[in-house]
C-alpha atoms as a PDB file:
ATOM      1  CA  MET A   1      -0.114   0.126  -0.192  1.00  0.00           C
ATOM      2  CA  PRO A   2       1.353   3.491  -0.890  1.00  0.00           C
ATOM      3  CA  ASP A   3       2.630   5.648   1.781  1.00  0.00           C
ATOM      4  CA  SER A   4       0.360   8.604   1.758  1.00  0.00           C
ATOM      5  CA  THR A   5       3.134  11.112   3.213  1.00  0.00           C
ATOM      6  CA  GLN A   6       5.101  10.651  -0.040  1.00  0.00           C
ATOM      7  CA  ALA A   7       4.175  13.065  -2.835  1.00  0.00           C
ATOM      8  CA  GLU A   8       4.934  12.278  -6.552  1.00  0.00           C
ATOM      9  CA  VAL A   9       8.059  13.855  -7.867  1.00  0.00           C
ATOM     10  CA  ARG A  10       7.460  15.697 -10.969  1.00  0.00           C
ATOM     11  CA  SER A  11      10.774  17.638 -11.425  1.00  0.00           C
ATOM     12  CA  ASN A  12      11.910  17.520 -15.052  1.00  0.00           C
ATOM     13  CA  TRP A  13      15.557  18.232 -14.012  1.00  0.00           C
ATOM     14  CA  TRP A  14      16.611  14.823 -14.585  1.00  0.00           C
ATOM     15  CA  MET A  15      16.164  15.492 -18.458  1.00  0.00           C
ATOM     16  CA  ALA A  16      19.512  17.685 -18.267  1.00  0.00           C
ATOM     17  CA  ASN A  17      21.388  14.516 -17.007  1.00  0.00           C
ATOM     18  CA  ALA A  18      19.678  12.291 -19.832  1.00  0.00           C
ATOM     19  CA  ALA A  19      20.578  14.960 -22.583  1.00  0.00           C
ATOM     20  CA  THR A  20      24.329  14.788 -21.355  1.00  0.00           C
ATOM     21  CA  VAL A  21      24.350  11.017 -21.539  1.00  0.00           C
ATOM     22  CA  VAL A  22      22.441  11.064 -24.949  1.00  0.00           C
ATOM     23  CA  TRP A  23      24.687  13.872 -26.480  1.00  0.00           C
ATOM     24  CA  LEU A  24      28.026  12.004 -25.728  1.00  0.00           C
ATOM     25  CA  LEU A  25      26.566   8.729 -27.190  1.00  0.00           C
ATOM     26  CA  LEU A  26      25.593  10.960 -30.291  1.00  0.00           C
ATOM     27  CA  LEU A  27      28.885  12.489 -30.289  1.00  0.00           C
ATOM     28  CA  TYR A  28      30.598   9.134 -30.446  1.00  0.00           C
ATOM     29  CA  VAL A  29      28.365   8.124 -33.461  1.00  0.00           C
ATOM     30  CA  LEU A  30      29.367  11.381 -35.286  1.00  0.00           C
ATOM     31  CA  VAL A  31      33.077  10.665 -34.736  1.00  0.00           C
ATOM     32  CA  VAL A  32      32.807   7.123 -36.190  1.00  0.00           C
ATOM     33  CA  LEU A  33      30.597   8.068 -39.135  1.00  0.00           C
ATOM     34  CA  GLN A  34      33.029  10.917 -40.122  1.00  0.00           C
ATOM     35  CA  ALA A  35      36.011   8.837 -39.805  1.00  0.00           C
ATOM     36  CA  PHE A  36      34.854   5.591 -41.495  1.00  0.00           C
ATOM     37  CA  VAL A  37      31.667   6.223 -43.487  1.00  0.00           C
ATOM     38  CA  PHE A  38      31.700   9.899 -44.838  1.00  0.00           C
ATOM     39  CA  GLU A  39      35.735  10.104 -44.878  1.00  0.00           C
ATOM     40  CA  ALA A  40      35.311  13.916 -44.214  1.00  0.00           C
ATOM     41  CA  SER A  41      38.367  15.913 -44.074  1.00  0.00           C
ATOM     42  CA  ARG A  42      40.035  16.524 -40.852  1.00  0.00           C
ATOM     43  CA  ALA A  43      39.243  20.271 -40.816  1.00  0.00           C
ATOM     44  CA  ALA A  44      35.673  19.404 -41.416  1.00  0.00           C
ATOM     45  CA  ALA A  45      35.619  16.875 -38.747  1.00  0.00           C
ATOM     46  CA  LEU A  46      37.267  18.964 -36.284  1.00  0.00           C
ATOM     47  CA  LEU A  47      34.786  21.796 -36.688  1.00  0.00           C
ATOM     48  CA  ALA A  48      31.806  19.151 -36.218  1.00  0.00           C
ATOM     49  CA  VAL A  49      33.411  17.779 -33.060  1.00  0.00           C
ATOM     50  CA  GLN A  50      34.089  20.960 -31.842  1.00  0.00           C
ATOM     51  CA  GLY A  51      30.498  22.358 -32.168  1.00  0.00           C
ATOM     52  CA  TRP A  52      29.370  19.028 -30.570  1.00  0.00           C
ATOM     53  CA  LEU A  53      31.668  19.398 -27.903  1.00  0.00           C
ATOM     54  CA  PHE A  54      30.454  22.848 -26.778  1.00  0.00           C
ATOM     55  CA  VAL A  55      26.876  21.552 -26.614  1.00  0.00           C
ATOM     56  CA  TYR A  56      28.153  18.922 -24.593  1.00  0.00           C
ATOM     57  CA  LEU A  57      29.856  21.413 -22.305  1.00  0.00           C
ATOM     58  CA  VAL A  58      26.469  23.180 -22.053  1.00  0.00           C
ATOM     59  CA  PHE A  59      24.697  20.071 -21.204  1.00  0.00           C
ATOM     60  CA  SER A  60      27.256  19.068 -18.644  1.00  0.00           C
ATOM     61  CA  ILE A  61      26.790  22.365 -16.866  1.00  0.00           C
ATOM     62  CA  ALA A  62      23.164  22.030 -16.971  1.00  0.00           C
ATOM     63  CA  ALA A  63      23.365  18.331 -15.444  1.00  0.00           C
ATOM     64  CA  LEU A  64      25.415  19.976 -12.497  1.00  0.00           C
ATOM     65  CA  PHE A  65      22.523  22.293 -11.609  1.00  0.00           C
ATOM     66  CA  GLY A  66      20.175  19.495 -12.243  1.00  0.00           C
ATOM     67  CA  PHE A  67      21.629  17.452  -9.712  1.00  0.00           C
ATOM     68  CA  TYR A  68      20.736  19.966  -7.168  1.00  0.00           C
ATOM     69  CA  TYR A  69      17.261  20.965  -8.269  1.00  0.00           C
ATOM     70  CA  ASP A  70      16.131  17.559  -9.014  1.00  0.00           C
ATOM     71  CA  ALA A  71      17.577  16.377  -5.554  1.00  0.00           C
ATOM     72  CA  ALA A  72      15.797  19.181  -3.756  1.00  0.00           C
ATOM     73  CA  GLU A  73      12.419  18.399  -5.336  1.00  0.00           C
ATOM     74  CA  ILE A  74      12.861  14.682  -4.142  1.00  0.00           C
ATOM     75  CA  VAL A  75      13.633  15.646  -0.520  1.00  0.00           C
ATOM     76  CA  ASP A  76      10.707  18.395  -0.709  1.00  0.00           C
ATOM     77  CA  ALA A  77       8.332  15.563  -1.841  1.00  0.00           C
ATOM     78  CA  GLY A  78       9.260  13.517   1.269  1.00  0.00           C
ATOM     79  CA  ARG A  79      10.618  10.444  -0.509  1.00  0.00           C
ATOM     80  CA  ASP A  80      12.586   7.950   1.065  1.00  0.00           C
ATOM     81  CA  TRP A  81      15.515   8.277  -1.044  1.00  0.00           C
ATOM     82  CA  HIS A  82      17.720  11.330  -0.476  1.00  0.00           C
ATOM     83  CA  PRO A  83      20.215  11.799  -3.186  1.00  0.00           C
ATOM     84  CA  TYR A  84      23.650  13.270  -2.186  1.00  0.00           C
ATOM     85  CA  TRP A  85      23.774  15.914  -4.870  1.00  0.00           C
ATOM     86  CA  TRP A  86      27.134  17.257  -3.881  1.00  0.00           C
ATOM     87  CA  LEU A  87      28.674  13.900  -4.317  1.00  0.00           C
ATOM     88  CA  TYR A  88      27.281  13.600  -8.092  1.00  0.00           C
ATOM     89  CA  VAL A  89      28.752  17.099  -8.644  1.00  0.00           C
ATOM     90  CA  VAL A  90      32.270  16.110  -7.196  1.00  0.00           C
ATOM     91  CA  ALA A  91      32.102  12.886  -9.125  1.00  0.00           C
ATOM     92  CA  SER A  92      31.447  14.699 -12.364  1.00  0.00           C
ATOM     93  CA  PHE A  93      34.560  16.575 -11.922  1.00  0.00           C
ATOM     94  CA  LEU A  94      36.513  13.253 -11.139  1.00  0.00           C
ATOM     95  CA  PHE A  95      35.017  11.058 -13.933  1.00  0.00           C
ATOM     96  CA  THR A  96      32.865  12.504 -16.640  1.00  0.00           C
ATOM     97  CA  PRO A  97      29.496  14.126 -16.346  1.00  0.00           C
ATOM     98  CA  SER A  98      27.921  11.598 -18.559  1.00  0.00           C
ATOM     99  CA  PHE A  99      28.895   8.604 -16.363  1.00  0.00           C
ATOM    100  CA  THR A 100      27.491  10.407 -13.221  1.00  0.00           C
ATOM    101  CA  SER A 101      24.481  11.524 -15.019  1.00  0.00           C
ATOM    102  CA  PHE A 102      23.880   7.845 -16.120  1.00  0.00           C
ATOM    103  CA  VAL A 103      24.340   6.613 -12.415  1.00  0.00           C
ATOM    104  CA  TYR A 104      21.997   9.336 -11.390  1.00  0.00           C
ATOM    105  CA  LEU A 105      19.377   8.424 -13.766  1.00  0.00           C
ATOM    106  CA  VAL A 106      19.694   4.628 -12.950  1.00  0.00           C
ATOM    107  CA  GLN A 107      19.214   5.470  -9.184  1.00  0.00           C
ATOM    108  CA  ARG A 108      16.368   7.758  -9.920  1.00  0.00           C
ATOM    109  CA  GLY A 109      14.858   5.306 -11.891  1.00  0.00           C
ATOM    110  CA  ARG A 110      15.188   2.616  -9.333  1.00  0.00           C
ATOM    111  CA  HIS A 111      13.697   4.871  -6.381  1.00  0.00           C
ATOM    112  CA  ILE A 112      11.589   7.453  -7.846  1.00  0.00           C
ATOM    113  CA  GLY A 113      11.000   6.848 -11.522  1.00  0.00           C
ATOM    114  CA  LEU A 114      11.021   8.789 -14.503  1.00  0.00           C
ATOM    115  CA  TYR A 115       8.257  10.830 -16.265  1.00  0.00           C
ATOM    116  CA  VAL A 116       8.457  10.532 -20.067  1.00  0.00           C
ATOM    117  CA  SER A 117       5.595  11.899 -22.240  1.00  0.00           C
ATOM    118  CA  GLY A 118       3.037  11.937 -19.431  1.00  0.00           C
ATOM    119  CA  ARG A 119       3.879   8.164 -18.451  1.00  0.00           C
ATOM    120  CA  LYS A 120       5.794   7.130 -15.439  1.00  0.00           C
ATOM    121  CA  PHE A 121       8.580   4.506 -15.698  1.00  0.00           C
ATOM    122  CA  GLY A 122       9.704   3.122 -12.431  1.00  0.00           C
ATOM    123  CA  PRO A 123       8.026   2.233  -9.039  1.00  0.00           C
ATOM    124  CA  THR A 124       4.894   3.323  -8.037  1.00  0.00           C
ATOM    125  CA  VAL A 125       4.645   5.709  -4.844  1.00  0.00           C
END
């Protein structure tokens, strides 16, 4: 039976973490396509990768804010899981933001769930 003291967490800040993970995967695909399929010149490939890396940097910074704001929403909802947002931020500087974002998304999915297009994926309250 669900606990009535726990409210639903409908924060969308987890999407910044998802964007960081997906964008890095797309960057890897872009590099492989340019190197082996399109056989682009080095200058064109470097320009494309630099543009993608700039967007990845923006998503990575947004993910750092996403750790804090999403964790604050989870705590405000009175959920049992209290993510240590500062630990994810520190780990983002030690490892990569994509790795820590992936770990955060897996943990959030296990404990809270994710809302995608109005549907919830994960545990129920």
